[in-house]
Structure formats: C-alpha cells, structure tokens
C-alpha cells in the first residue's frame, strides 16, 4: 500500500512589538489589509520564502488563529 504523504507541522511564531492596534495581516506582501493582529497572537508560519518589497519591508506568509492566510511584516514576528 502506498505510504500517505505526511505534511510536517508549520513553524509557529508570535506577534511582538506591534503596538496598538497591532500588525496588519495583508492579502499579499504590502497589499490590501485583512485585519490587525495584536501582540501575543500565535501564527503558523508557511515555509515559502519571505518576500521583500520596494519599501524595504520583509513579509512572511502566515495563518492566523481564525484560519485566515495572509502576509505580515516579518519584523513583528518572533519564533515560538
């Protein structure tokens, strides 16, 4: 029987030092806002390479606790 593919668990990170109202969760790196994520929010970090935009920000693809997938500025994520 074929062995089922096992997807490794995603790395975890925590929003930190974002202040109020939090770091922006965006649809694309630097793109449309989805919501704000407060300090202490635990995120799943996707293995995709981080993306650097022309404004100098580096973006990380994440999944938030509500299951929404988007991008946040990597400067506000600390590894858990």
Protein backbone atom coordinates (compact mmCIF):
# COMPACT_ATOMS: atom_id res chain seq x y z
CA UNK A 1 0.00 0.00 0.00
CA UNK A 2 1.30 3.49 -0.73
CA UNK A 3 2.53 5.49 2.22
CA UNK A 4 0.36 8.57 2.84
CA UNK A 5 2.13 11.89 2.44
CA UNK A 6 2.79 13.45 5.81
CA UNK A 7 2.79 17.22 5.88
CA UNK A 8 5.16 18.48 8.54
CA UNK A 9 3.59 20.89 11.02
CA UNK A 10 4.12 24.55 10.25
CA UNK A 11 6.55 26.54 12.37
CA UNK A 12 4.98 28.83 14.95
CA UNK A 13 5.61 32.50 15.54
CA UNK A 14 4.16 35.15 17.82
CA UNK A 15 3.28 38.76 17.01
CA UNK A 16 5.53 41.02 19.10
CA UNK A 17 6.27 44.75 19.44
CA UNK A 18 3.47 45.73 17.06
CA UNK A 19 1.86 48.20 19.46
CA UNK A 20 -1.75 49.26 19.12
CA UNK A 21 -3.81 48.34 17.07
CA UNK A 22 -1.37 45.57 16.03
CA UNK A 23 0.42 44.36 12.92
CA UNK A 24 -1.52 44.32 9.66
CA UNK A 25 -2.46 40.97 8.15
CA UNK A 26 -2.49 41.57 4.37
CA UNK A 27 -3.74 39.61 1.34
CA UNK A 28 -0.37 39.98 -0.40
CA UNK A 29 3.01 41.42 0.70
CA UNK A 30 2.24 45.12 1.21
CA UNK A 31 -1.24 44.61 -0.25
CA UNK A 32 -4.84 45.05 0.92
CA UNK A 33 -5.43 44.84 4.68
CA UNK A 34 -7.42 41.90 6.04
CA UNK A 35 -7.21 42.74 9.75
CA UNK A 36 -4.90 43.72 12.61
CA UNK A 37 -3.22 41.07 14.79
CA UNK A 38 -2.40 42.02 18.37
CA UNK A 39 0.83 41.30 20.23
CA UNK A 40 0.80 37.73 21.55
CA UNK A 41 -1.19 36.32 18.60
CA UNK A 42 0.22 32.90 17.70
CA UNK A 43 0.72 32.41 13.96
CA UNK A 44 1.59 29.43 11.81
CA UNK A 45 4.49 30.32 9.52
CA UNK A 46 4.47 28.94 5.98
CA UNK A 47 7.77 27.64 4.55
CA UNK A 48 7.54 29.91 1.48
CA UNK A 49 10.47 32.30 1.20
CA UNK A 50 9.95 35.69 2.76
CA UNK A 51 9.26 38.49 0.28
CA UNK A 52 10.99 41.87 0.35
CA UNK A 53 9.03 44.81 -1.07
CA UNK A 54 10.39 48.03 -2.56
CA UNK A 55 9.66 49.92 0.67
CA UNK A 56 12.23 47.73 2.47
CA UNK A 57 9.74 45.61 4.42
CA UNK A 58 10.16 41.84 4.55
CA UNK A 59 6.93 39.80 4.57
CA UNK A 60 6.14 36.36 5.99
CA UNK A 61 3.21 34.20 4.83
CA UNK A 62 1.15 33.14 7.87
CA UNK A 63 -2.10 31.58 9.05
CA UNK A 64 -3.82 33.32 11.96
CA UNK A 65 -5.86 31.63 14.74
CA UNK A 66 -9.07 32.13 12.71
CA UNK A 67 -7.53 30.19 9.81
CA UNK A 68 -7.03 33.24 7.58
CA UNK A 69 -3.94 33.10 5.37
CA UNK A 70 -2.08 36.28 4.60
CA UNK A 71 1.18 38.18 4.97
CA UNK A 72 2.61 40.15 7.89
CA UNK A 73 5.78 42.21 8.26
CA UNK A 74 8.42 39.74 9.45
CA UNK A 75 9.89 42.36 11.83
CA UNK A 76 6.87 41.80 14.11
CA UNK A 77 7.15 38.01 14.37
CA UNK A 78 9.29 36.20 16.92
CA UNK A 79 9.78 32.45 16.75
CA UNK A 80 7.95 30.46 19.37
